[in-house]
Amino acid sequence: MQLLTMKRVPVPKGSAVFSYLAWPWLKLISLLPFWLLYGISNGIRFILYHVLGYRVKVVRENLKNCFPDLSNGERKTIERKYYSHLSDLFVETIKGMSISEKQMRERMLNIDQHEYDKLHQEGKSAIIVMSHCGNWEWICLMSQIVCQQRVQCLYKTLSNPGFDRLMFLVRSKFGASPIPMEQTLRVLDANKEVVTVNAFIGDQNPSSGKGAAWVNFLGQDTAFMMGAEKIAKKLDWPVYYLSSSKIKRGYYQAHTVPICLDPKSTKDGEITQWIANHTEKEILHQPHIWLWSHRRWKHKRNA
């Protein structure tokens, strides 16, 4: 069967210049050993946190609203550790341009390959939902290494076309197929007869509160996108949740569990609530590795 894949459209001239200029430098940086990259990460953290104060107000507001029972000192500890993780995430994403399969297997552990092997043997496609915890870019890379079936990673198109193009190339390094969110249903429906693993970021902020599922998440009324649930019901695909934890600097552990094997039997919003519950549990395990600088609660119900 001929698979529908996404072809990158030519980027505007200015963005193309950015790509051509940035790519060789980023590629060169990616070849540096990890110890040196983490030295660079330390410098990035200092600039982001202490010099620029990058989204510090957003981070502090989010932490205060999510953890009102923690002391200022406890929230400050999470804040500092978050900026260290964010800086590590930046250099690790660049490292993804040249990282080897052997290195990926050493640094992204226990992704529960047996779950994916079982799906492949049964000839079933599935939806895998994860969050902005840990290193989701490495998970995208690792997924096609461990999965025999085709992996399709859904992503939100970046505002800078040049950088978006670079990220597309990084994410598809080991053969995964990145799919822009706006083309999700068309591509997945076209490939529904092919056994695939389809990765969604479940905690992505919706473009508006309209059409979203409103759930209690980290103690707040929160809009969650229902894309994974709607597609699971339409195509009758089981839904799994992939959680991530950070073992130590540069090393992560992933765990995949089924959360709904019969999506058509569920009530509207039920799967999305389960996704929110798993995401919250994942965040509470290691708060500092979630994306706190994201304006996650900008939408209000009935606004």
Protein backbone atom coordinates (compact mmCIF):
# COMPACT_ATOMS: atom_id res chain seq x y z
CA MET A 1 0.00 0.00 0.00
CA GLN A 2 1.21 3.49 -0.87
CA LEU A 3 1.58 5.48 2.35
CA LEU A 4 0.63 9.12 2.56
CA THR A 5 3.62 11.00 3.93
CA MET A 6 4.30 14.65 4.57
CA LYS A 7 6.53 16.46 2.11
CA ARG A 8 8.16 19.62 3.32
CA VAL A 9 7.16 22.62 1.27
CA PRO A 10 9.89 25.08 0.23
CA VAL A 11 10.45 27.63 2.95
CA PRO A 12 10.54 31.39 2.34
CA LYS A 13 13.84 32.87 1.27
CA GLY A 14 14.69 34.39 4.64
CA SER A 15 13.93 31.15 6.44
CA ALA A 16 15.92 29.19 3.89
CA VAL A 17 18.92 31.40 4.60
CA PHE A 18 18.42 30.74 8.31
CA SER A 19 18.34 26.99 7.67
CA TYR A 20 21.47 26.96 5.55
CA LEU A 21 23.38 29.15 8.00
CA ALA A 22 22.18 27.46 11.17
CA TRP A 23 22.30 23.84 10.07
CA PRO A 24 26.10 23.40 9.72
CA TRP A 25 26.75 25.18 13.02
CA LEU A 26 24.14 23.18 14.89
CA LYS A 27 25.41 20.00 13.28
CA LEU A 28 28.93 20.85 14.41
CA ILE A 29 27.74 21.52 17.96
CA SER A 30 25.87 18.21 17.95
CA LEU A 31 29.14 16.37 17.38
CA LEU A 32 30.57 17.61 20.67
CA PRO A 33 30.82 15.07 23.51
CA PHE A 34 28.09 15.10 26.12
CA TRP A 35 30.33 16.45 28.88
CA LEU A 36 31.10 19.52 26.79
CA LEU A 37 27.48 19.97 25.74
CA TYR A 38 26.42 19.99 29.38
CA GLY A 39 29.08 22.60 30.08
CA ILE A 40 27.40 24.72 27.40
CA SER A 41 24.06 23.93 29.04
CA ASN A 42 25.32 25.38 32.32
CA GLY A 43 26.12 28.62 30.52
CA ILE A 44 22.73 28.67 28.82
CA ARG A 45 21.00 28.18 32.17
CA PHE A 46 22.87 31.12 33.68
CA ILE A 47 21.90 33.39 30.78
CA LEU A 48 18.26 32.25 30.62
CA TYR A 49 17.63 32.32 34.34
CA HIS A 50 19.93 34.94 35.86
CA VAL A 51 20.52 37.35 32.95
CA LEU A 52 17.42 37.28 30.73
CA GLY A 53 14.95 36.00 33.29
CA TYR A 54 13.33 34.01 30.48
CA ARG A 55 9.64 33.60 31.37
CA VAL A 56 10.46 33.55 35.07
CA LYS A 57 7.15 35.27 35.87
CA VAL A 58 5.24 32.60 33.94
CA VAL A 59 7.11 29.79 35.68
CA ARG A 60 6.55 31.28 39.14
CA GLU A 61 2.86 31.91 38.52
CA ASN A 62 2.35 28.37 37.23
CA LEU A 63 4.19 26.82 40.17
CA LYS A 64 2.30 28.95 42.69
CA ASN A 65 -1.08 28.05 41.20
CA CYS A 66 -0.26 24.35 40.90
CA PHE A 67 1.48 23.94 44.26
CA PRO A 68 -0.13 26.45 46.65
CA ASP A 69 0.70 24.25 49.65
CA LEU A 70 4.44 24.31 48.99
CA SER A 71 6.60 26.94 50.64
CA ASN A 72 8.29 29.66 48.57
CA GLY A 73 11.58 27.87 49.13
CA GLU A 74 10.23 24.55 47.84
CA ARG A 75 8.81 26.19 44.72
CA LYS A 76 12.11 28.04 44.23
CA THR A 77 13.95 24.71 44.27
CA ILE A 78 11.68 23.35 41.53
CA GLU A 79 12.17 26.59 39.58
CA ARG A 80 15.98 26.38 39.67
CA LYS A 81 15.98 22.70 38.74
CA TYR A 82 13.55 23.44 35.92
CA TYR A 83 15.89 25.93 34.25
CA SER A 84 18.72 23.41 34.49
CA HIS A 85 16.53 20.80 32.82
CA LEU A 86 15.32 23.26 30.15
CA SER A 87 18.92 24.09 29.23
CA ASP A 88 19.81 20.40 29.10
CA LEU A 89 16.80 19.83 26.86
CA PHE A 90 18.07 22.48 24.45
CA VAL A 91 21.51 20.89 23.97
CA GLU A 92 20.06 17.37 23.95
CA THR A 93 17.74 18.34 21.11
CA ILE A 94 20.73 19.60 19.13
CA LYS A 95 22.59 16.38 19.97
CA GLY A 96 19.69 14.55 18.34
CA MET A 97 21.07 15.65 14.97
CA SER A 98 24.03 13.28 15.26
CA ILE A 99 23.23 10.90 18.12
CA SER A 100 23.71 7.23 17.27
CA GLU A 101 21.24 4.42 17.77
CA LYS A 102 23.60 2.90 20.36
CA GLN A 103 23.65 6.14 22.35
CA MET A 104 19.87 6.42 22.18
CA ARG A 105 19.43 2.90 23.52
CA GLU A 106 21.81 3.69 26.38
CA ARG A 107 20.13 6.98 27.32
CA MET A 108 16.42 6.31 26.75
CA LEU A 109 15.67 3.21 28.81
CA ASN A 110 12.76 0.79 29.24
CA ILE A 111 10.34 2.12 26.66
CA ASP A 112 8.33 -1.13 27.06
CA GLN A 113 9.11 -2.53 23.65
CA HIS A 114 6.96 -5.59 24.38
CA GLU A 115 3.82 -3.42 24.23
CA TYR A 116 4.71 -2.28 20.71
CA ASP A 117 5.76 -5.78 19.63
CA LYS A 118 2.38 -7.11 20.78
CA LEU A 119 0.53 -4.45 18.79
CA HIS A 120 2.62 -5.25 15.73
CA GLN A 121 1.98 -8.99 16.05
CA GLU A 122 -1.77 -8.40 16.41
CA GLY A 123 -1.76 -6.02 13.44
CA LYS A 124 -3.21 -3.17 15.51
CA SER A 125 -2.49 0.52 15.16
CA ALA A 126 -2.47 2.57 18.36
CA ILE A 127 -2.37 6.07 19.75
CA ILE A 128 0.45 6.84 22.18
CA VAL A 129 -0.05 9.95 24.30
CA MET A 130 2.80 11.65 26.13
CA SER A 131 3.45 15.02 27.72
CA HIS A 132 6.07 17.77 27.81
CA CYS A 133 7.91 15.86 30.54
CA GLY A 134 11.48 14.65 30.21
CA ASN A 135 12.82 14.75 26.66
CA TRP A 136 9.95 14.20 24.23
CA GLU A 137 12.25 14.83 21.24
CA TRP A 138 14.41 11.87 22.21
CA ILE A 139 11.30 9.76 22.68
CA CYS A 140 10.34 10.57 19.09
CA LEU A 141 13.81 9.46 17.96
CA MET A 142 13.78 6.31 20.10
CA SER A 143 10.30 5.26 19.05
CA GLN A 144 11.27 4.25 15.53
CA ILE A 145 14.28 2.35 16.86
CA VAL A 146 12.17 0.09 19.09
CA CYS A 147 9.02 -0.16 16.94
CA GLN A 148 8.74 -2.53 14.01
CA GLN A 149 5.69 -0.67 12.76
CA ARG A 150 5.65 2.78 11.23
CA VAL A 151 5.82 5.62 13.78
CA GLN A 152 3.97 8.87 13.10
CA CYS A 153 4.77 11.74 15.49
CA LEU A 154 2.26 14.58 15.55
CA TYR A 155 3.63 18.04 16.23
CA LYS A 156 2.64 21.68 16.32
CA THR A 157 4.20 23.64 13.46
CA LEU A 158 6.72 26.20 14.68
CA SER A 159 6.24 29.86 13.77
CA ASN A 160 9.72 30.07 12.20
CA PRO A 161 9.56 27.97 8.99
CA GLY A 162 13.33 27.54 8.86
CA PHE A 163 13.58 26.17 12.39
CA ASP A 164 10.46 24.08 11.80
CA ARG A 165 12.19 22.51 8.82
CA LEU A 166 15.28 21.75 10.89
CA MET A 167 13.19 20.09 13.60
CA PHE A 168 11.40 18.01 10.97
CA LEU A 169 14.74 16.64 9.79
CA VAL A 170 15.89 15.88 13.34
CA ARG A 171 12.65 14.11 14.30
CA SER A 172 12.74 11.92 11.20
CA LYS A 173 16.40 10.93 11.71
CA PHE A 174 15.69 7.26 12.45
CA GLY A 175 12.70 6.97 10.12
CA ALA A 176 9.76 8.34 12.12
CA SER A 177 7.25 10.41 10.16
CA PRO A 178 6.48 13.82 11.72
CA ILE A 179 2.96 15.03 10.89
CA PRO A 180 1.77 18.64 11.39
CA MET A 181 -1.26 18.79 13.68
CA GLU A 182 -3.38 20.55 11.07
CA GLN A 183 -2.97 17.55 8.73
CA THR A 184 -3.38 14.83 11.35
CA LEU A 185 -6.79 13.44 10.48
CA ARG A 186 -6.17 13.41 6.73
CA VAL A 187 -2.87 11.51 7.02
CA LEU A 188 -3.99 9.07 9.73
CA ASP A 189 -7.24 8.30 7.95
CA ALA A 190 -5.41 7.76 4.65
CA ASN A 191 -2.99 5.33 6.34
CA LYS A 192 -5.56 3.56 8.55
CA GLU A 193 -5.06 0.21 6.80
CA VAL A 194 -1.35 0.28 7.71
CA VAL A 195 -0.18 -0.77 11.18
CA THR A 196 1.15 2.39 12.82
CA VAL A 197 2.07 3.89 16.17
CA ASN A 198 0.81 7.47 16.39
CA ALA A 199 2.36 9.72 19.03
CA PHE A 200 0.43 12.69 20.42
CA ILE A 201 1.52 15.35 22.90
CA GLY A 202 -1.49 15.26 25.20
CA ASP A 203 -0.83 18.41 27.24
CA GLN A 204 -0.49 20.71 24.23
CA ASN A 205 -2.36 23.98 24.78
CA PRO A 206 -5.43 24.21 22.48
CA SER A 207 -5.72 27.21 20.19
CA SER A 208 -8.83 28.23 22.14
CA GLY A 209 -11.10 26.89 24.86
CA LYS A 210 -13.88 26.17 22.36
CA GLY A 211 -14.23 22.49 21.56
CA ALA A 212 -11.76 21.53 24.28
CA ALA A 213 -12.43 19.20 27.18
CA TRP A 214 -12.36 21.01 30.51
CA VAL A 215 -10.77 18.91 33.23
CA ASN A 216 -9.35 19.35 36.70
CA PHE A 217 -5.59 19.34 36.17
CA LEU A 218 -3.09 20.22 38.88
CA GLY A 219 -5.92 21.80 40.86
CA GLN A 220 -7.05 24.09 38.05
CA ASP A 221 -9.83 24.15 35.48
CA THR A 222 -7.83 23.33 32.35
CA ALA A 223 -8.61 23.06 28.64
CA PHE A 224 -7.30 19.86 27.06
CA MET A 225 -7.23 19.09 23.36
CA MET A 226 -9.49 16.19 22.40
CA GLY A 227 -7.67 15.21 19.21
CA ALA A 228 -6.30 11.91 20.51
CA GLU A 229 -9.69 10.88 21.89
CA LYS A 230 -11.62 11.83 18.75
CA ILE A 231 -9.24 9.98 16.43
CA ALA A 232 -9.15 6.94 18.73
CA LYS A 233 -12.95 6.74 18.57
CA LYS A 234 -13.15 7.39 14.83
CA LEU A 235 -10.54 4.77 13.90
CA ASP A 236 -11.18 2.45 16.89
CA TRP A 237 -7.54 2.49 17.98
CA PRO A 238 -6.44 1.66 21.54
CA VAL A 239 -4.88 4.47 23.55
CA TYR A 240 -1.67 4.16 25.57
CA TYR A 241 0.13 6.63 27.81
CA LEU A 242 3.90 7.00 27.70
CA SER A 243 5.37 8.58 30.82
CA SER A 244 8.94 9.78 31.16
CA SER A 245 11.26 10.30 34.10
CA LYS A 246 14.81 11.61 34.36
CA ILE A 247 17.25 9.15 35.90
CA LYS A 248 20.15 11.59 35.83
CA ARG A 249 21.57 14.17 33.48
CA GLY A 250 21.23 12.85 29.93
CA TYR A 251 19.48 9.62 30.93
CA TYR A 252 15.74 9.01 30.84
CA GLN A 253 13.34 6.19 31.46
CA ALA A 254 10.05 5.74 29.63
CA HIS A 255 7.09 3.58 30.57
CA THR A 256 4.10 2.74 28.36
CA VAL A 257 0.74 1.60 29.76
CA PRO A 258 -2.68 1.05 28.13
CA ILE A 259 -5.34 3.50 29.28
CA CYS A 260 -8.19 2.59 26.91
CA LEU A 261 -8.38 -0.54 24.75
CA ASP A 262 -11.98 0.01 23.62
CA PRO A 263 -12.36 3.75 22.89
CA LYS A 264 -15.79 3.49 21.24
CA SER A 265 -17.30 2.29 24.53
CA THR A 266 -16.27 5.43 26.44
CA LYS A 267 -18.22 8.60 27.15
CA ASP A 268 -17.21 11.91 25.55
CA GLY A 269 -14.27 13.43 27.41
CA GLU A 270 -13.53 10.28 29.39
CA ILE A 271 -10.32 9.37 27.56
CA THR A 272 -9.12 12.98 27.73
CA GLN A 273 -9.69 13.00 31.50
CA TRP A 274 -7.65 9.80 31.82
CA ILE A 275 -4.87 11.43 29.80
CA ALA A 276 -4.94 14.45 32.13
CA ASN A 277 -4.81 12.15 35.17
CA HIS A 278 -1.76 10.29 33.87
CA THR A 279 -0.06 13.56 32.95
CA GLU A 280 -0.65 14.98 36.42
CA LYS A 281 0.74 11.85 38.06
CA GLU A 282 3.82 12.06 35.83
CA ILE A 283 4.40 15.72 36.71
CA LEU A 284 4.00 15.17 40.45
CA HIS A 285 6.66 12.44 40.30
CA GLN A 286 9.31 14.88 39.01
CA PRO A 287 7.88 18.41 38.80
CA HIS A 288 11.04 20.06 37.47
CA ILE A 289 11.09 18.14 34.17
CA TRP A 290 7.75 19.50 32.89
CA LEU A 291 7.53 22.56 30.61
CA TRP A 292 6.65 25.22 33.21
CA SER A 293 7.52 28.17 30.96
CA HIS A 294 4.56 27.24 28.75
CA ARG A 295 1.48 29.48 29.16
CA ARG A 296 -0.69 26.45 29.83
CA TRP A 297 -3.61 28.19 31.54
CA LYS A 298 -4.18 31.19 29.27
CA HIS A 299 -7.65 29.96 28.26
CA LYS A 300 -10.61 30.35 30.61
CA ARG A 301 -13.87 28.45 30.43
CA ASN A 302 -16.67 30.41 28.68
CA ALA A 303 -14.23 33.25 27.93
